[in-house]
């Protein structure tokens, strides 16, 4: 049979070992979790992150903004001067299910191609209620995805220019060279 003193000493030594192991385990778990999270973050960055070359594009490599913004930089065949017609902003609910999202759009039209400002200004002012109505209906048919991102916004600009040319002039002439956003807010 086991001696009662020896059994008591063994039990006390086991408790001391368990308490040291518990303290070590409680200290080791957060360190191990931090190391695993850091390693997982590093691996995810390597797998899904972009390479350094695509993130560091210098201004010299990017396309010229002036070439896109300056309406005078057009084909030589379209060498006539451009004048601008400002439209008031419109507000329209976007075509989004389950939510009330809206867009506020203000436009400036770049006019040229043989239409002088003296003749064009009164014509566009007479057509303005129709243009604003069409723009409101058009924007109400768009979703948030349709009016976000450069490619989508350029597509919207082209669609507006085509429709305004048909609606305002109707004779097959395209006097509106470009549609510029002076305001675009989505809420």
C-alpha atoms as a PDB file:
ATOM      1  CA  UNK A   1       0.000   0.000   0.000  1.00  0.00           C
ATOM      2  CA  UNK A   2       1.058   3.539  -0.577  1.00  0.00           C
ATOM      3  CA  UNK A   3       2.281   5.624   2.250  1.00  0.00           C
ATOM      4  CA  UNK A   4      -0.125   8.529   3.011  1.00  0.00           C
ATOM      5  CA  UNK A   5       2.788  11.006   3.228  1.00  0.00           C
ATOM      6  CA  UNK A   6       4.149  10.027  -0.168  1.00  0.00           C
ATOM      7  CA  UNK A   7       0.725  10.232  -1.761  1.00  0.00           C
ATOM      8  CA  UNK A   8       0.248  13.723  -0.343  1.00  0.00           C
ATOM      9  CA  UNK A   9       3.661  14.877  -1.656  1.00  0.00           C
ATOM     10  CA  UNK A  10       2.943  13.491  -5.122  1.00  0.00           C
ATOM     11  CA  UNK A  11      -0.429  15.274  -5.220  1.00  0.00           C
ATOM     12  CA  UNK A  12       1.155  18.593  -4.196  1.00  0.00           C
ATOM     13  CA  UNK A  13       3.895  18.225  -6.864  1.00  0.00           C
ATOM     14  CA  UNK A  14       1.270  17.487  -9.521  1.00  0.00           C
ATOM     15  CA  UNK A  15      -0.707  20.582  -8.549  1.00  0.00           C
ATOM     16  CA  UNK A  16       2.451  22.707  -8.794  1.00  0.00           C
ATOM     17  CA  UNK A  17       3.194  21.272 -12.238  1.00  0.00           C
ATOM     18  CA  UNK A  18      -0.378  21.924 -13.331  1.00  0.00           C
ATOM     19  CA  UNK A  19      -0.282  25.530 -12.090  1.00  0.00           C
ATOM     20  CA  UNK A  20       3.022  26.179 -13.904  1.00  0.00           C
ATOM     21  CA  UNK A  21       1.652  24.566 -17.074  1.00  0.00           C
ATOM     22  CA  UNK A  22      -1.544  26.658 -16.842  1.00  0.00           C
ATOM     23  CA  UNK A  23       0.433  29.903 -16.474  1.00  0.00           C
ATOM     24  CA  UNK A  24       2.665  28.950 -19.384  1.00  0.00           C
ATOM     25  CA  UNK A  25      -0.342  27.987 -21.492  1.00  0.00           C
ATOM     26  CA  UNK A  26      -2.199  31.236 -20.723  1.00  0.00           C
ATOM     27  CA  UNK A  27       0.883  33.236 -21.787  1.00  0.00           C
ATOM     28  CA  UNK A  28       1.646  31.114 -24.849  1.00  0.00           C
ATOM     29  CA  UNK A  29      -1.870  31.186 -26.415  1.00  0.00           C
ATOM     30  CA  UNK A  30      -1.987  34.954 -27.189  1.00  0.00           C
ATOM     31  CA  UNK A  31       1.571  34.879 -28.548  1.00  0.00           C
ATOM     32  CA  UNK A  32       0.735  31.902 -30.742  1.00  0.00           C
ATOM     33  CA  UNK A  33      -2.483  33.600 -31.957  1.00  0.00           C
ATOM     34  CA  UNK A  34      -0.560  36.796 -32.816  1.00  0.00           C
ATOM     35  CA  UNK A  35       2.054  34.833 -34.774  1.00  0.00           C
ATOM     36  CA  UNK A  36      -0.630  32.914 -36.692  1.00  0.00           C
ATOM     37  CA  UNK A  37      -2.562  36.095 -37.538  1.00  0.00           C
ATOM     38  CA  UNK A  38       0.574  37.891 -38.694  1.00  0.00           C
ATOM     39  CA  UNK A  39       1.566  34.933 -40.851  1.00  0.00           C
ATOM     40  CA  UNK A  40      -1.940  34.672 -42.302  1.00  0.00           C
ATOM     41  CA  UNK A  41      -1.998  38.383 -43.088  1.00  0.00           C
ATOM     42  CA  UNK A  42       1.390  38.179 -44.769  1.00  0.00           C
ATOM     43  CA  UNK A  43       0.310  35.163 -46.834  1.00  0.00           C
ATOM     44  CA  UNK A  44      -2.982  36.803 -47.852  1.00  0.00           C
ATOM     45  CA  UNK A  45      -1.120  39.942 -48.909  1.00  0.00           C
ATOM     46  CA  UNK A  46       1.261  37.895 -51.029  1.00  0.00           C
ATOM     47  CA  UNK A  47      -1.546  35.889 -52.620  1.00  0.00           C
ATOM     48  CA  UNK A  48      -4.117  38.612 -53.257  1.00  0.00           C
ATOM     49  CA  UNK A  49      -2.133  41.843 -53.228  1.00  0.00           C
ATOM     50  CA  UNK A  50      -0.992  43.691 -56.330  1.00  0.00           C
ATOM     51  CA  UNK A  51       2.622  43.688 -57.308  1.00  0.00           C
ATOM     52  CA  UNK A  52       4.730  46.739 -56.495  1.00  0.00           C
ATOM     53  CA  UNK A  53       5.017  47.847 -60.138  1.00  0.00           C
ATOM     54  CA  UNK A  54       1.297  48.367 -60.605  1.00  0.00           C
ATOM     55  CA  UNK A  55       0.934  50.353 -57.412  1.00  0.00           C
ATOM     56  CA  UNK A  56       3.742  52.809 -58.125  1.00  0.00           C
ATOM     57  CA  UNK A  57       2.683  54.579 -61.296  1.00  0.00           C
ATOM     58  CA  UNK A  58       4.438  57.889 -61.681  1.00  0.00           C
ATOM     59  CA  UNK A  59       2.812  61.027 -63.050  1.00  0.00           C
ATOM     60  CA  UNK A  60       5.039  60.810 -66.115  1.00  0.00           C
ATOM     61  CA  UNK A  61       3.585  57.408 -67.025  1.00  0.00           C
ATOM     62  CA  UNK A  62      -0.064  58.383 -66.562  1.00  0.00           C
ATOM     63  CA  UNK A  63      -2.051  59.715 -69.523  1.00  0.00           C
ATOM     64  CA  UNK A  64      -2.239  63.461 -69.891  1.00  0.00           C
ATOM     65  CA  UNK A  65      -5.235  64.909 -68.099  1.00  0.00           C
ATOM     66  CA  UNK A  66      -4.988  68.086 -70.174  1.00  0.00           C
ATOM     67  CA  UNK A  67      -5.557  66.099 -73.361  1.00  0.00           C
ATOM     68  CA  UNK A  68      -8.833  64.752 -71.945  1.00  0.00           C
ATOM     69  CA  UNK A  69     -10.019  67.980 -70.343  1.00  0.00           C
ATOM     70  CA  UNK A  70      -9.135  70.529 -73.011  1.00  0.00           C
ATOM     71  CA  UNK A  71     -11.974  70.561 -75.571  1.00  0.00           C
ATOM     72  CA  UNK A  72      -9.705  72.301 -78.100  1.00  0.00           C
ATOM     73  CA  UNK A  73      -7.702  69.064 -78.477  1.00  0.00           C
ATOM     74  CA  UNK A  74      -9.966  67.456 -81.057  1.00  0.00           C
ATOM     75  CA  UNK A  75      -9.498  66.221 -84.573  1.00  0.00           C
ATOM     76  CA  UNK A  76      -8.248  68.766 -87.102  1.00  0.00           C
ATOM     77  CA  UNK A  77     -11.540  68.413 -88.986  1.00  0.00           C
ATOM     78  CA  UNK A  78     -13.348  69.799 -85.917  1.00  0.00           C
ATOM     79  CA  UNK A  79     -11.236  72.933 -85.589  1.00  0.00           C
ATOM     80  CA  UNK A  80     -14.163  75.259 -84.747  1.00  0.00           C
ATOM     81  CA  UNK A  81     -14.179  76.813 -81.258  1.00  0.00           C
ATOM     82  CA  UNK A  82     -16.136  75.233 -78.441  1.00  0.00           C
ATOM     83  CA  UNK A  83     -18.520  77.158 -76.215  1.00  0.00           C
ATOM     84  CA  UNK A  84     -20.245  75.928 -73.086  1.00  0.00           C
ATOM     85  CA  UNK A  85     -23.850  75.693 -71.965  1.00  0.00           C
ATOM     86  CA  UNK A  86     -24.518  75.076 -68.241  1.00  0.00           C
ATOM     87  CA  UNK A  87     -27.551  73.123 -67.125  1.00  0.00           C
ATOM     88  CA  UNK A  88     -29.087  73.290 -63.680  1.00  0.00           C
ATOM     89  CA  UNK A  89     -28.676  70.239 -61.485  1.00  0.00           C
ATOM     90  CA  UNK A  90     -31.386  67.597 -61.432  1.00  0.00           C
ATOM     91  CA  UNK A  91     -32.145  65.071 -58.712  1.00  0.00           C
ATOM     92  CA  UNK A  92     -33.454  61.583 -59.486  1.00  0.00           C
ATOM     93  CA  UNK A  93     -34.041  58.411 -57.495  1.00  0.00           C
ATOM     94  CA  UNK A  94     -31.828  55.595 -58.703  1.00  0.00           C
ATOM     95  CA  UNK A  95     -33.307  52.303 -59.826  1.00  0.00           C
ATOM     96  CA  UNK A  96     -32.234  50.386 -56.710  1.00  0.00           C
ATOM     97  CA  UNK A  97     -34.518  47.782 -55.129  1.00  0.00           C
ATOM     98  CA  UNK A  98     -35.027  47.975 -51.391  1.00  0.00           C
ATOM     99  CA  UNK A  99     -33.487  51.396 -50.908  1.00  0.00           C
ATOM    100  CA  UNK A 100     -33.994  55.024 -51.602  1.00  0.00           C
ATOM    101  CA  UNK A 101     -30.758  56.067 -53.280  1.00  0.00           C
ATOM    102  CA  UNK A 102     -30.649  59.184 -55.363  1.00  0.00           C
ATOM    103  CA  UNK A 103     -28.276  61.010 -57.655  1.00  0.00           C
ATOM    104  CA  UNK A 104     -27.804  64.738 -58.169  1.00  0.00           C
ATOM    105  CA  UNK A 105     -26.327  65.624 -61.551  1.00  0.00           C
ATOM    106  CA  UNK A 106     -25.269  68.964 -62.972  1.00  0.00           C
ATOM    107  CA  UNK A 107     -23.984  69.140 -66.540  1.00  0.00           C
ATOM    108  CA  UNK A 108     -22.046  71.481 -68.767  1.00  0.00           C
ATOM    109  CA  UNK A 109     -22.383  70.875 -72.499  1.00  0.00           C
ATOM    110  CA  UNK A 110     -19.459  71.517 -74.809  1.00  0.00           C
ATOM    111  CA  UNK A 111     -21.016  72.869 -78.029  1.00  0.00           C
ATOM    112  CA  UNK A 112     -19.329  73.317 -81.389  1.00  0.00           C
ATOM    113  CA  UNK A 113     -19.376  71.770 -84.840  1.00  0.00           C
ATOM    114  CA  UNK A 114     -20.727  74.775 -86.669  1.00  0.00           C
ATOM    115  CA  UNK A 115     -23.233  76.013 -84.089  1.00  0.00           C
ATOM    116  CA  UNK A 116     -22.344  79.518 -82.935  1.00  0.00           C
ATOM    117  CA  UNK A 117     -23.155  80.664 -79.425  1.00  0.00           C
ATOM    118  CA  UNK A 118     -25.536  83.407 -80.634  1.00  0.00           C
ATOM    119  CA  UNK A 119     -27.825  80.873 -82.335  1.00  0.00           C
ATOM    120  CA  UNK A 120     -27.246  77.936 -79.995  1.00  0.00           C
ATOM    121  CA  UNK A 121     -27.852  79.616 -76.639  1.00  0.00           C
ATOM    122  CA  UNK A 122     -31.526  80.554 -77.324  1.00  0.00           C
ATOM    123  CA  UNK A 123     -32.171  77.187 -78.961  1.00  0.00           C
ATOM    124  CA  UNK A 124     -30.850  75.232 -75.976  1.00  0.00           C
ATOM    125  CA  UNK A 125     -32.734  77.456 -73.523  1.00  0.00           C
ATOM    126  CA  UNK A 126     -35.987  76.678 -75.375  1.00  0.00           C
ATOM    127  CA  UNK A 127     -35.192  72.944 -75.307  1.00  0.00           C
ATOM    128  CA  UNK A 128     -33.971  72.985 -71.685  1.00  0.00           C
ATOM    129  CA  UNK A 129     -37.215  71.699 -70.085  1.00  0.00           C
ATOM    130  CA  UNK A 130     -37.214  68.716 -72.456  1.00  0.00           C
ATOM    131  CA  UNK A 131     -33.512  68.025 -71.872  1.00  0.00           C
ATOM    132  CA  UNK A 132     -33.918  68.173 -68.078  1.00  0.00           C
ATOM    133  CA  UNK A 133     -36.948  65.874 -68.238  1.00  0.00           C
ATOM    134  CA  UNK A 134     -35.082  63.364 -70.381  1.00  0.00           C
ATOM    135  CA  UNK A 135     -32.052  63.525 -68.072  1.00  0.00           C
ATOM    136  CA  UNK A 136     -34.227  62.946 -64.995  1.00  0.00           C
ATOM    137  CA  UNK A 137     -35.887  59.910 -66.566  1.00  0.00           C
ATOM    138  CA  UNK A 138     -32.562  58.566 -67.815  1.00  0.00           C
ATOM    139  CA  UNK A 139     -30.880  58.891 -64.419  1.00  0.00           C
ATOM    140  CA  UNK A 140     -33.908  57.332 -62.681  1.00  0.00           C
ATOM    141  CA  UNK A 141     -33.345  54.241 -64.818  1.00  0.00           C
ATOM    142  CA  UNK A 142     -29.699  53.878 -63.716  1.00  0.00           C
ATOM    143  CA  UNK A 143     -28.373  51.806 -60.803  1.00  0.00           C
ATOM    144  CA  UNK A 144     -25.546  52.746 -58.457  1.00  0.00           C
ATOM    145  CA  UNK A 145     -23.197  50.509 -60.444  1.00  0.00           C
ATOM    146  CA  UNK A 146     -24.191  52.297 -63.670  1.00  0.00           C
ATOM    147  CA  UNK A 147     -23.069  55.679 -62.308  1.00  0.00           C
ATOM    148  CA  UNK A 148     -19.871  54.728 -60.495  1.00  0.00           C
ATOM    149  CA  UNK A 149     -16.449  54.173 -61.977  1.00  0.00           C
ATOM    150  CA  UNK A 150     -14.744  55.988 -64.820  1.00  0.00           C
ATOM    151  CA  UNK A 151     -15.766  53.604 -67.601  1.00  0.00           C
ATOM    152  CA  UNK A 152     -19.425  53.692 -66.567  1.00  0.00           C
ATOM    153  CA  UNK A 153     -19.459  57.475 -66.250  1.00  0.00           C
ATOM    154  CA  UNK A 154     -17.878  57.906 -69.694  1.00  0.00           C
ATOM    155  CA  UNK A 155     -20.575  55.610 -71.098  1.00  0.00           C
ATOM    156  CA  UNK A 156     -23.262  57.731 -69.393  1.00  0.00           C
ATOM    157  CA  UNK A 157     -21.691  60.908 -70.840  1.00  0.00           C
ATOM    158  CA  UNK A 158     -21.779  59.432 -74.352  1.00  0.00           C
ATOM    159  CA  UNK A 159     -25.406  58.311 -73.960  1.00  0.00           C
ATOM    160  CA  UNK A 160     -26.437  61.767 -72.738  1.00  0.00           C
ATOM    161  CA  UNK A 161     -24.592  63.495 -75.607  1.00  0.00           C
ATOM    162  CA  UNK A 162     -26.234  61.238 -78.201  1.00  0.00           C
ATOM    163  CA  UNK A 163     -29.722  61.727 -76.753  1.00  0.00           C
ATOM    164  CA  UNK A 164     -29.302  65.497 -76.365  1.00  0.00           C
ATOM    165  CA  UNK A 165     -28.051  65.816 -79.952  1.00  0.00           C
ATOM    166  CA  UNK A 166     -31.118  63.945 -81.211  1.00  0.00           C
ATOM    167  CA  UNK A 167     -33.527  65.762 -78.899  1.00  0.00           C
ATOM    168  CA  UNK A 168     -32.218  69.300 -79.250  1.00  0.00           C
ATOM    169  CA  UNK A 169     -31.238  69.355 -82.896  1.00  0.00           C
ATOM    170  CA  UNK A 170     -33.067  66.412 -84.438  1.00  0.00           C
ATOM    171  CA  UNK A 171     -31.653  67.085 -87.895  1.00  0.00           C
ATOM    172  CA  UNK A 172     -28.915  64.487 -87.637  1.00  0.00           C
ATOM    173  CA  UNK A 173     -26.279  67.049 -86.646  1.00  0.00           C
ATOM    174  CA  UNK A 174     -24.207  66.506 -83.529  1.00  0.00           C
ATOM    175  CA  UNK A 175     -23.459  69.965 -82.180  1.00  0.00           C
ATOM    176  CA  UNK A 176     -22.808  68.712 -78.631  1.00  0.00           C
ATOM    177  CA  UNK A 177     -19.190  67.581 -78.643  1.00  0.00           C
ATOM    178  CA  UNK A 178     -18.881  66.590 -75.007  1.00  0.00           C
ATOM    179  CA  UNK A 179     -20.901  66.347 -71.810  1.00  0.00           C
ATOM    180  CA  UNK A 180     -19.045  67.379 -68.660  1.00  0.00           C
ATOM    181  CA  UNK A 181     -20.130  66.613 -65.094  1.00  0.00           C
ATOM    182  CA  UNK A 182     -20.007  69.768 -63.027  1.00  0.00           C
ATOM    183  CA  UNK A 183     -21.749  67.937 -60.174  1.00  0.00           C
ATOM    184  CA  UNK A 184     -22.356  64.257 -59.478  1.00  0.00           C
ATOM    185  CA  UNK A 185     -23.481  63.179 -56.027  1.00  0.00           C
ATOM    186  CA  UNK A 186     -24.891  59.793 -55.093  1.00  0.00           C
ATOM    187  CA  UNK A 187     -26.592  59.253 -51.753  1.00  0.00           C
END
